[in-house]
Amino acid sequence: MKTKSIRIPKDMMDAIALVEREERIEESTAMRKLIRIGFETYIGNLYKQGKITLRESSRLLNLNQIETMNLFLDAGIKGNLDATDVLISLNRFVSR
């Protein structure tokens, strides 16, 4: 794990303190948790916009595809495939 030095605005420090109190965890753990949540949200938005695939999302989040899809579903992010994409995939599968 790497150590980084950053400037954190007061409102973010207040958010970190809230997570510390609510979850009874150390400041550094609260910071890592919030950074992870932000990263998951960022990746979820890229996936939702169709900028990255589920496979790429899974790799970036260091999760398997089922875990990633469950994470996205819990966040209200549905798959970025439409009916045409599904039909093309099915046709490729059947024609093999």
PDB file of N, CA and C in Angstrom:
ATOM      1  N   MET A   1       0.847  -1.171   0.000  1.00  0.00           N
ATOM      2  CA  MET A   1       0.000   0.000   0.000  1.00  0.00           C
ATOM      3  C   MET A   1       0.891   1.231   0.000  1.00  0.00           C
ATOM      4  N   LYS A   2       0.498   2.225  -0.770  1.00  0.00           N
ATOM      5  CA  LYS A   2       1.268   3.450  -0.886  1.00  0.00           C
ATOM      6  C   LYS A   2       0.717   4.528   0.036  1.00  0.00           C
ATOM      7  N   THR A   3       1.572   5.399   0.497  1.00  0.00           N
ATOM      8  CA  THR A   3       1.170   6.531   1.312  1.00  0.00           C
ATOM      9  C   THR A   3       1.182   7.778   0.439  1.00  0.00           C
ATOM     10  N   LYS A   4       0.099   8.554   0.500  1.00  0.00           N
ATOM     11  CA  LYS A   4      -0.008   9.797  -0.257  1.00  0.00           C
ATOM     12  C   LYS A   4      -0.362  10.926   0.691  1.00  0.00           C
ATOM     13  N   SER A   5       0.098  12.107   0.361  1.00  0.00           N
ATOM     14  CA  SER A   5      -0.241  13.292   1.142  1.00  0.00           C
ATOM     15  C   SER A   5      -1.147  14.162   0.274  1.00  0.00           C
ATOM     16  N   ILE A   6      -2.347  14.490   0.795  1.00  0.00           N
ATOM     17  CA  ILE A   6      -3.284  15.327   0.049  1.00  0.00           C
ATOM     18  C   ILE A   6      -3.898  16.368   0.968  1.00  0.00           C
ATOM     19  N   ARG A   7      -4.396  17.431   0.367  1.00  0.00           N
ATOM     20  CA  ARG A   7      -5.129  18.447   1.128  1.00  0.00           C
ATOM     21  C   ARG A   7      -6.599  18.097   1.048  1.00  0.00           C
ATOM     22  N   ILE A   8      -7.229  18.070   2.204  1.00  0.00           N
ATOM     23  CA  ILE A   8      -8.636  17.684   2.268  1.00  0.00           C
ATOM     24  C   ILE A   8      -9.443  18.859   2.818  1.00  0.00           C
ATOM     25  N   PRO A   9     -10.451  19.299   2.055  1.00  0.00           N
ATOM     26  CA  PRO A   9     -11.295  20.410   2.527  1.00  0.00           C
ATOM     27  C   PRO A   9     -12.065  20.029   3.788  1.00  0.00           C
ATOM     28  N   LYS A  10     -12.474  21.038   4.540  1.00  0.00           N
ATOM     29  CA  LYS A  10     -13.158  20.815   5.803  1.00  0.00           C
ATOM     30  C   LYS A  10     -14.430  19.982   5.637  1.00  0.00           C
ATOM     31  N   ASP A  11     -15.201  20.233   4.589  1.00  0.00           N
ATOM     32  CA  ASP A  11     -16.445  19.478   4.432  1.00  0.00           C
ATOM     33  C   ASP A  11     -16.177  17.991   4.219  1.00  0.00           C
ATOM     34  N   MET A  12     -15.080  17.675   3.553  1.00  0.00           N
ATOM     35  CA  MET A  12     -14.714  16.269   3.370  1.00  0.00           C
ATOM     36  C   MET A  12     -14.192  15.675   4.686  1.00  0.00           C
ATOM     37  N   MET A  13     -13.481  16.474   5.471  1.00  0.00           N
ATOM     38  CA  MET A  13     -13.019  15.998   6.776  1.00  0.00           C
ATOM     39  C   MET A  13     -14.224  15.727   7.682  1.00  0.00           C
ATOM     40  N   ASP A  14     -15.250  16.556   7.563  1.00  0.00           N
ATOM     41  CA  ASP A  14     -16.480  16.326   8.335  1.00  0.00           C
ATOM     42  C   ASP A  14     -17.142  15.012   7.909  1.00  0.00           C
ATOM     43  N   ALA A  15     -17.127  14.735   6.606  1.00  0.00           N
ATOM     44  CA  ALA A  15     -17.700  13.481   6.102  1.00  0.00           C
ATOM     45  C   ALA A  15     -16.903  12.280   6.621  1.00  0.00           C
ATOM     46  N   ILE A  16     -15.598  12.411   6.624  1.00  0.00           N
ATOM     47  CA  ILE A  16     -14.736  11.340   7.134  1.00  0.00           C
ATOM     48  C   ILE A  16     -15.019  11.109   8.620  1.00  0.00           C
ATOM     49  N   ALA A  17     -15.143  12.195   9.377  1.00  0.00           N
ATOM     50  CA  ALA A  17     -15.427  12.079  10.812  1.00  0.00           C
ATOM     51  C   ALA A  17     -16.779  11.400  11.042  1.00  0.00           C
ATOM     52  N   LEU A  18     -17.752  11.705  10.204  1.00  0.00           N
ATOM     53  CA  LEU A  18     -19.070  11.070  10.328  1.00  0.00           C
ATOM     54  C   LEU A  18     -18.957   9.557  10.120  1.00  0.00           C
ATOM     55  N   VAL A  19     -18.235   9.147   9.094  1.00  0.00           N
ATOM     56  CA  VAL A  19     -18.058   7.713   8.828  1.00  0.00           C
ATOM     57  C   VAL A  19     -17.317   7.055   9.988  1.00  0.00           C
ATOM     58  N   GLU A  20     -16.290   7.741  10.509  1.00  0.00           N
ATOM     59  CA  GLU A  20     -15.555   7.224  11.682  1.00  0.00           C
ATOM     60  C   GLU A  20     -16.503   6.931  12.840  1.00  0.00           C
ATOM     61  N   ARG A  21     -17.338   7.928  13.170  1.00  0.00           N
ATOM     62  CA  ARG A  21     -18.261   7.783  14.303  1.00  0.00           C
ATOM     63  C   ARG A  21     -19.309   6.700  14.049  1.00  0.00           C
ATOM     64  N   GLU A  22     -19.946   6.766  12.894  1.00  0.00           N
ATOM     65  CA  GLU A  22     -21.045   5.847  12.589  1.00  0.00           C
ATOM     66  C   GLU A  22     -20.587   4.392  12.525  1.00  0.00           C
ATOM     67  N   GLU A  23     -19.403   4.169  11.980  1.00  0.00           N
ATOM     68  CA  GLU A  23     -18.938   2.795  11.794  1.00  0.00           C
ATOM     69  C   GLU A  23     -17.880   2.379  12.802  1.00  0.00           C
ATOM     70  N   ARG A  24     -17.535   3.309  13.681  1.00  0.00           N
ATOM     71  CA  ARG A  24     -16.532   3.043  14.713  1.00  0.00           C
ATOM     72  C   ARG A  24     -15.244   2.474  14.101  1.00  0.00           C
ATOM     73  N   ILE A  25     -14.717   3.240  13.156  1.00  0.00           N
ATOM     74  CA  ILE A  25     -13.477   2.848  12.483  1.00  0.00           C
ATOM     75  C   ILE A  25     -12.483   4.007  12.559  1.00  0.00           C
ATOM     76  N   GLU A  26     -11.234   3.710  12.265  1.00  0.00           N
ATOM     77  CA  GLU A  26     -10.190   4.731  12.293  1.00  0.00           C
ATOM     78  C   GLU A  26     -10.327   5.676  11.104  1.00  0.00           C
ATOM     79  N   GLU A  27      -9.740   6.850  11.248  1.00  0.00           N
ATOM     80  CA  GLU A  27      -9.807   7.864  10.197  1.00  0.00           C
ATOM     81  C   GLU A  27      -9.291   7.346   8.857  1.00  0.00           C
ATOM     82  N   SER A  28      -8.151   6.680   8.869  1.00  0.00           N
ATOM     83  CA  SER A  28      -7.577   6.197   7.616  1.00  0.00           C
ATOM     84  C   SER A  28      -8.480   5.155   6.945  1.00  0.00           C
ATOM     85  N   THR A  29      -9.132   4.322   7.747  1.00  0.00           N
ATOM     86  CA  THR A  29     -10.061   3.326   7.213  1.00  0.00           C
ATOM     87  C   THR A  29     -11.279   4.009   6.607  1.00  0.00           C
ATOM     88  N   ALA A  30     -11.775   5.043   7.283  1.00  0.00           N
ATOM     89  CA  ALA A  30     -12.918   5.802   6.771  1.00  0.00           C
ATOM     90  C   ALA A  30     -12.562   6.471   5.439  1.00  0.00           C
ATOM     91  N   MET A  31     -11.361   7.005   5.348  1.00  0.00           N
ATOM     92  CA  MET A  31     -10.916   7.643   4.103  1.00  0.00           C
ATOM     93  C   MET A  31     -10.846   6.630   2.968  1.00  0.00           C
ATOM     94  N   ARG A  32     -10.261   5.474   3.246  1.00  0.00           N
ATOM     95  CA  ARG A  32     -10.166   4.434   2.204  1.00  0.00           C
ATOM     96  C   ARG A  32     -11.557   3.969   1.779  1.00  0.00           C
ATOM     97  N   LYS A  33     -12.460   3.858   2.728  1.00  0.00           N
ATOM     98  CA  LYS A  33     -13.832   3.431   2.419  1.00  0.00           C
ATOM     99  C   LYS A  33     -14.513   4.431   1.490  1.00  0.00           C
ATOM    100  N   LEU A  34     -14.408   5.718   1.814  1.00  0.00           N
ATOM    101  CA  LEU A  34     -15.033   6.736   0.985  1.00  0.00           C
ATOM    102  C   LEU A  34     -14.394   6.824  -0.400  1.00  0.00           C
ATOM    103  N   ILE A  35     -13.096   6.655  -0.469  1.00  0.00           N
ATOM    104  CA  ILE A  35     -12.424   6.646  -1.772  1.00  0.00           C
ATOM    105  C   ILE A  35     -12.909   5.462  -2.590  1.00  0.00           C
ATOM    106  N   ARG A  36     -13.042   4.305  -1.979  1.00  0.00           N
ATOM    107  CA  ARG A  36     -13.517   3.112  -2.687  1.00  0.00           C
ATOM    108  C   ARG A  36     -14.944   3.314  -3.206  1.00  0.00           C
ATOM    109  N   ILE A  37     -15.813   3.877  -2.355  1.00  0.00           N
ATOM    110  CA  ILE A  37     -17.193   4.128  -2.778  1.00  0.00           C
ATOM    111  C   ILE A  37     -17.208   5.090  -3.968  1.00  0.00           C
ATOM    112  N   GLY A  38     -16.388   6.111  -3.903  1.00  0.00           N
ATOM    113  CA  GLY A  38     -16.306   7.064  -5.012  1.00  0.00           C
ATOM    114  C   GLY A  38     -15.809   6.403  -6.284  1.00  0.00           C
ATOM    115  N   PHE A  39     -14.819   5.532  -6.175  1.00  0.00           N
ATOM    116  CA  PHE A  39     -14.276   4.830  -7.335  1.00  0.00           C
ATOM    117  C   PHE A  39     -15.318   3.887  -7.933  1.00  0.00           C
ATOM    118  N   GLU A  40     -16.025   3.163  -7.071  1.00  0.00           N
ATOM    119  CA  GLU A  40     -17.081   2.258  -7.550  1.00  0.00           C
ATOM    120  C   GLU A  40     -18.164   3.044  -8.292  1.00  0.00           C
ATOM    121  N   THR A  41     -18.520   4.196  -7.756  1.00  0.00           N
ATOM    122  CA  THR A  41     -19.523   5.041  -8.394  1.00  0.00           C
ATOM    123  C   THR A  41     -19.025   5.541  -9.749  1.00  0.00           C
ATOM    124  N   TYR A  42     -17.786   5.945  -9.794  1.00  0.00           N
ATOM    125  CA  TYR A  42     -17.183   6.445 -11.042  1.00  0.00           C
ATOM    126  C   TYR A  42     -17.179   5.356 -12.113  1.00  0.00           C
ATOM    127  N   ILE A  43     -16.743   4.165 -11.739  1.00  0.00           N
ATOM    128  CA  ILE A  43     -16.704   3.041 -12.679  1.00  0.00           C
ATOM    129  C   ILE A  43     -18.125   2.671 -13.102  1.00  0.00           C
ATOM    130  N   GLY A  44     -19.056   2.677 -12.164  1.00  0.00           N
ATOM    131  CA  GLY A  44     -20.449   2.396 -12.480  1.00  0.00           C
ATOM    132  C   GLY A  44     -21.009   3.372 -13.501  1.00  0.00           C
ATOM    133  N   ASN A  45     -20.666   4.635 -13.364  1.00  0.00           N
ATOM    134  CA  ASN A  45     -21.134   5.637 -14.319  1.00  0.00           C
ATOM    135  C   ASN A  45     -20.516   5.430 -15.700  1.00  0.00           C
ATOM    136  N   LEU A  46     -19.243   5.078 -15.748  1.00  0.00           N
ATOM    137  CA  LEU A  46     -18.610   4.785 -17.044  1.00  0.00           C
ATOM    138  C   LEU A  46     -19.293   3.601 -17.716  1.00  0.00           C
ATOM    139  N   TYR A  47     -19.611   2.588 -16.928  1.00  0.00           N
ATOM    140  CA  TYR A  47     -20.293   1.404 -17.459  1.00  0.00           C
ATOM    141  C   TYR A  47     -21.692   1.777 -17.956  1.00  0.00           C
ATOM    142  N   LYS A  48     -22.412   2.548 -17.169  1.00  0.00           N
ATOM    143  CA  LYS A  48     -23.771   2.962 -17.522  1.00  0.00           C
ATOM    144  C   LYS A  48     -23.783   3.750 -18.833  1.00  0.00           C
ATOM    145  N   GLN A  49     -22.756   4.559 -19.041  1.00  0.00           N
ATOM    146  CA  GLN A  49     -22.649   5.362 -20.254  1.00  0.00           C
ATOM    147  C   GLN A  49     -22.145   4.550 -21.452  1.00  0.00           C
ATOM    148  N   GLY A  50     -21.788   3.294 -21.204  1.00  0.00           N
ATOM    149  CA  GLY A  50     -21.298   2.444 -22.285  1.00  0.00           C
ATOM    150  C   GLY A  50     -19.852   2.711 -22.656  1.00  0.00           C
ATOM    151  N   LYS A  51     -19.117   3.416 -21.799  1.00  0.00           N
ATOM    152  CA  LYS A  51     -17.721   3.735 -22.088  1.00  0.00           C
ATOM    153  C   LYS A  51     -16.778   2.583 -21.765  1.00  0.00           C
ATOM    154  N   ILE A  52     -17.193   1.705 -20.861  1.00  0.00           N
ATOM    155  CA  ILE A  52     -16.407   0.513 -20.551  1.00  0.00           C
ATOM    156  C   ILE A  52     -17.358  -0.678 -20.430  1.00  0.00           C
ATOM    157  N   THR A  53     -16.815  -1.864 -20.595  1.00  0.00           N
ATOM    158  CA  THR A  53     -17.608  -3.082 -20.532  1.00  0.00           C
ATOM    159  C   THR A  53     -17.687  -3.594 -19.091  1.00  0.00           C
ATOM    160  N   LEU A  54     -18.541  -4.581 -18.898  1.00  0.00           N
ATOM    161  CA  LEU A  54     -18.626  -5.225 -17.588  1.00  0.00           C
ATOM    162  C   LEU A  54     -17.292  -5.872 -17.241  1.00  0.00           C
ATOM    163  N   ARG A  55     -16.660  -6.487 -18.229  1.00  0.00           N
ATOM    164  CA  ARG A  55     -15.355  -7.119 -17.997  1.00  0.00           C
ATOM    165  C   ARG A  55     -14.323  -6.088 -17.552  1.00  0.00           C
ATOM    166  N   GLU A  56     -14.289  -4.941 -18.237  1.00  0.00           N
ATOM    167  CA  GLU A  56     -13.343  -3.888 -17.852  1.00  0.00           C
ATOM    168  C   GLU A  56     -13.671  -3.357 -16.451  1.00  0.00           C
ATOM    169  N   SER A  57     -14.954  -3.180 -16.179  1.00  0.00           N
ATOM    170  CA  SER A  57     -15.374  -2.713 -14.857  1.00  0.00           C
ATOM    171  C   SER A  57     -14.903  -3.674 -13.778  1.00  0.00           C
ATOM    172  N   SER A  58     -15.100  -4.964 -14.023  1.00  0.00           N
ATOM    173  CA  SER A  58     -14.699  -5.990 -13.056  1.00  0.00           C
ATOM    174  C   SER A  58     -13.204  -5.964 -12.799  1.00  0.00           C
ATOM    175  N   ARG A  59     -12.442  -5.827 -13.883  1.00  0.00           N
ATOM    176  CA  ARG A  59     -10.983  -5.783 -13.753  1.00  0.00           C
ATOM    177  C   ARG A  59     -10.555  -4.574 -12.926  1.00  0.00           C
ATOM    178  N   LEU A  60     -11.131  -3.410 -13.232  1.00  0.00           N
ATOM    179  CA  LEU A  60     -10.771  -2.188 -12.510  1.00  0.00           C
ATOM    180  C   LEU A  60     -11.147  -2.255 -11.032  1.00  0.00           C
ATOM    181  N   LEU A  61     -12.284  -2.874 -10.742  1.00  0.00           N
ATOM    182  CA  LEU A  61     -12.760  -2.967  -9.361  1.00  0.00           C
ATOM    183  C   LEU A  61     -12.183  -4.164  -8.612  1.00  0.00           C
ATOM    184  N   ASN A  62     -11.443  -5.004  -9.341  1.00  0.00           N
ATOM    185  CA  ASN A  62     -10.860  -6.211  -8.757  1.00  0.00           C
ATOM    186  C   ASN A  62     -11.943  -7.122  -8.172  1.00  0.00           C
ATOM    187  N   LEU A  63     -13.034  -7.280  -8.945  1.00  0.00           N
ATOM    188  CA  LEU A  63     -14.145  -8.154  -8.572  1.00  0.00           C
ATOM    189  C   LEU A  63     -14.438  -9.074  -9.754  1.00  0.00           C
ATOM    190  N   ASN A  64     -15.157 -10.177  -9.501  1.00  0.00           N
ATOM    191  CA  ASN A  64     -15.584 -10.976 -10.649  1.00  0.00           C
ATOM    192  C   ASN A  64     -16.817 -10.305 -11.255  1.00  0.00           C
ATOM    193  N   GLN A  65     -17.229 -10.777 -12.424  1.00  0.00           N
ATOM    194  CA  GLN A  65     -18.304 -10.100 -13.144  1.00  0.00           C
ATOM    195  C   GLN A  65     -19.648 -10.168 -12.409  1.00  0.00           C
ATOM    196  N   ILE A  66     -19.909 -11.263 -11.731  1.00  0.00           N
ATOM    197  CA  ILE A  66     -21.165 -11.372 -10.974  1.00  0.00           C
ATOM    198  C   ILE A  66     -21.161 -10.381  -9.813  1.00  0.00           C
ATOM    199  N   GLU A  67     -20.046 -10.295  -9.091  1.00  0.00           N
ATOM    200  CA  GLU A  67     -19.946  -9.331  -7.991  1.00  0.00           C
ATOM    201  C   GLU A  67     -20.102  -7.900  -8.502  1.00  0.00           C
ATOM    202  N   THR A  68     -19.511  -7.620  -9.649  1.00  0.00           N
ATOM    203  CA  THR A  68     -19.601  -6.282 -10.231  1.00  0.00           C
ATOM    204  C   THR A  68     -21.032  -5.965 -10.636  1.00  0.00           C
ATOM    205  N   MET A  69     -21.693  -6.918 -11.291  1.00  0.00           N
ATOM    206  CA  MET A  69     -23.073  -6.696 -11.702  1.00  0.00           C
ATOM    207  C   MET A  69     -23.975  -6.497 -10.479  1.00  0.00           C
ATOM    208  N   ASN A  70     -23.758  -7.276  -9.429  1.00  0.00           N
ATOM    209  CA  ASN A  70     -24.530  -7.106  -8.192  1.00  0.00           C
ATOM    210  C   ASN A  70     -24.296  -5.733  -7.571  1.00  0.00           C
ATOM    211  N   LEU A  71     -23.047  -5.281  -7.578  1.00  0.00           N
ATOM    212  CA  LEU A  71     -22.718  -3.955  -7.063  1.00  0.00           C
ATOM    213  C   LEU A  71     -23.468  -2.887  -7.854  1.00  0.00           C
ATOM    214  N   PHE A  72     -23.437  -3.014  -9.187  1.00  0.00           N
ATOM    215  CA  PHE A  72     -24.125  -2.047 -10.038  1.00  0.00           C
ATOM    216  C   PHE A  72     -25.637  -2.099  -9.826  1.00  0.00           C
ATOM    217  N   LEU A  73     -26.195  -3.293  -9.721  1.00  0.00           N
ATOM    218  CA  LEU A  73     -27.642  -3.418  -9.503  1.00  0.00           C
ATOM    219  C   LEU A  73     -28.053  -2.794  -8.179  1.00  0.00           C
ATOM    220  N   ASP A  74     -27.235  -3.012  -7.128  1.00  0.00           N
ATOM    221  CA  ASP A  74     -27.510  -2.398  -5.821  1.00  0.00           C
ATOM    222  C   ASP A  74     -27.487  -0.870  -5.914  1.00  0.00           C
ATOM    223  N   ALA A  75     -26.677  -0.352  -6.846  1.00  0.00           N
ATOM    224  CA  ALA A  75     -26.579   1.098  -7.035  1.00  0.00           C
ATOM    225  C   ALA A  75     -27.614   1.616  -8.033  1.00  0.00           C
ATOM    226  N   GLY A  76     -28.464   0.707  -8.533  1.00  0.00           N
ATOM    227  CA  GLY A  76     -29.494   1.119  -9.493  1.00  0.00           C
ATOM    228  C   GLY A  76     -28.999   1.229 -10.918  1.00  0.00           C
ATOM    229  N   ILE A  77     -27.841   0.656 -11.193  1.00  0.00           N
ATOM    230  CA  ILE A  77     -27.271   0.700 -12.546  1.00  0.00           C
ATOM    231  C   ILE A  77     -27.597  -0.613 -13.234  1.00  0.00           C
ATOM    232  N   LYS A  78     -28.395  -0.519 -14.267  1.00  0.00           N
ATOM    233  CA  LYS A  78     -28.760  -1.713 -15.017  1.00  0.00           C
ATOM    234  C   LYS A  78     -27.743  -1.933 -16.111  1.00  0.00           C
ATOM    235  N   GLY A  79     -27.786  -3.098 -16.727  1.00  0.00           N
ATOM    236  CA  GLY A  79     -26.874  -3.408 -17.822  1.00  0.00           C
ATOM    237  C   GLY A  79     -26.973  -2.383 -18.934  1.00  0.00           C
ATOM    238  N   ASN A  80     -25.892  -2.230 -19.678  1.00  0.00           N
ATOM    239  CA  ASN A  80     -25.887  -1.238 -20.750  1.00  0.00           C
ATOM    240  C   ASN A  80     -26.126  -1.870 -22.121  1.00  0.00           C
ATOM    241  N   LEU A  81     -26.721  -3.063 -22.129  1.00  0.00           N
ATOM    242  CA  LEU A  81     -27.053  -3.724 -23.382  1.00  0.00           C
ATOM    243  C   LEU A  81     -28.519  -3.481 -23.714  1.00  0.00           C
ATOM    244  N   ASP A  82     -28.799  -3.333 -25.007  1.00  0.00           N
ATOM    245  CA  ASP A  82     -30.198  -3.254 -25.405  1.00  0.00           C
ATOM    246  C   ASP A  82     -30.590  -4.568 -26.079  1.00  0.00           C
ATOM    247  N   ALA A  83     -31.828  -4.692 -26.486  1.00  0.00           N
ATOM    248  CA  ALA A  83     -32.332  -5.936 -27.065  1.00  0.00           C
ATOM    249  C   ALA A  83     -31.548  -6.339 -28.301  1.00  0.00           C
ATOM    250  N   THR A  84     -31.117  -5.388 -29.116  1.00  0.00           N
ATOM    251  CA  THR A  84     -30.345  -5.690 -30.320  1.00  0.00           C
ATOM    252  C   THR A  84     -29.033  -6.379 -29.961  1.00  0.00           C
ATOM    253  N   ASP A  85     -28.344  -5.874 -28.936  1.00  0.00           N
ATOM    254  CA  ASP A  85     -27.086  -6.487 -28.502  1.00  0.00           C
ATOM    255  C   ASP A  85     -27.303  -7.930 -28.064  1.00  0.00           C
ATOM    256  N   VAL A  86     -28.369  -8.162 -27.330  1.00  0.00           N
ATOM    257  CA  VAL A  86     -28.665  -9.510 -26.845  1.00  0.00           C
ATOM    258  C   VAL A  86     -28.954 -10.449 -28.020  1.00  0.00           C
ATOM    259  N   LEU A  87     -29.754  -9.991 -28.977  1.00  0.00           N
ATOM    260  CA  LEU A  87     -30.077 -10.819 -30.146  1.00  0.00           C
ATOM    261  C   LEU A  87     -28.833 -11.148 -30.973  1.00  0.00           C
ATOM    262  N   ILE A  88     -27.952 -10.186 -31.147  1.00  0.00           N
ATOM    263  CA  ILE A  88     -26.701 -10.435 -31.878  1.00  0.00           C
ATOM    264  C   ILE A  88     -25.882 -11.502 -31.157  1.00  0.00           C
ATOM    265  N   SER A  89     -25.770 -11.389 -29.846  1.00  0.00           N
ATOM    266  CA  SER A  89     -25.024 -12.389 -29.067  1.00  0.00           C
ATOM    267  C   SER A  89     -25.646 -13.760 -29.175  1.00  0.00           C
ATOM    268  N   LEU A  90     -26.968 -13.824 -29.078  1.00  0.00           N
ATOM    269  CA  LEU A  90     -27.654 -15.111 -29.193  1.00  0.00           C
ATOM    270  C   LEU A  90     -27.451 -15.722 -30.573  1.00  0.00           C
ATOM    271  N   ASN A  91     -27.539 -14.902 -31.618  1.00  0.00           N
ATOM    272  CA  ASN A  91     -27.322 -15.402 -32.976  1.00  0.00           C
ATOM    273  C   ASN A  91     -25.907 -15.943 -33.154  1.00  0.00           C
ATOM    274  N   ARG A  92     -24.935 -15.279 -32.588  1.00  0.00           N
ATOM    275  CA  ARG A  92     -23.554 -15.759 -32.664  1.00  0.00           C
ATOM    276  C   ARG A  92     -23.416 -17.100 -31.932  1.00  0.00           C
ATOM    277  N   PHE A  93     -24.081 -17.209 -30.802  1.00  0.00           N
ATOM    278  CA  PHE A  93     -24.024 -18.424 -30.006  1.00  0.00           C
ATOM    279  C   PHE A  93     -24.669 -19.591 -30.754  1.00  0.00           C
ATOM    280  N   VAL A  94     -25.819 -19.339 -31.362  1.00  0.00           N
ATOM    281  CA  VAL A  94     -26.565 -20.395 -32.072  1.00  0.00           C
ATOM    282  C   VAL A  94     -25.834 -20.834 -33.329  1.00  0.00           C
ATOM    283  N   SER A  95     -25.175 -19.914 -34.019  1.00  0.00           N
ATOM    284  CA  SER A  95     -24.528 -20.237 -35.291  1.00  0.00           C
ATOM    285  C   SER A  95     -23.210 -20.996 -35.129  1.00  0.00           C
ATOM    286  N   ARG A  96     -22.765 -21.217 -33.926  1.00  0.00           N
ATOM    287  CA  ARG A  96     -21.507 -21.947 -33.703  1.00  0.00           C
ATOM    288  C   ARG A  96     -21.679 -23.403 -33.883  1.00  0.00           C
TER     289      ARG A  96
END
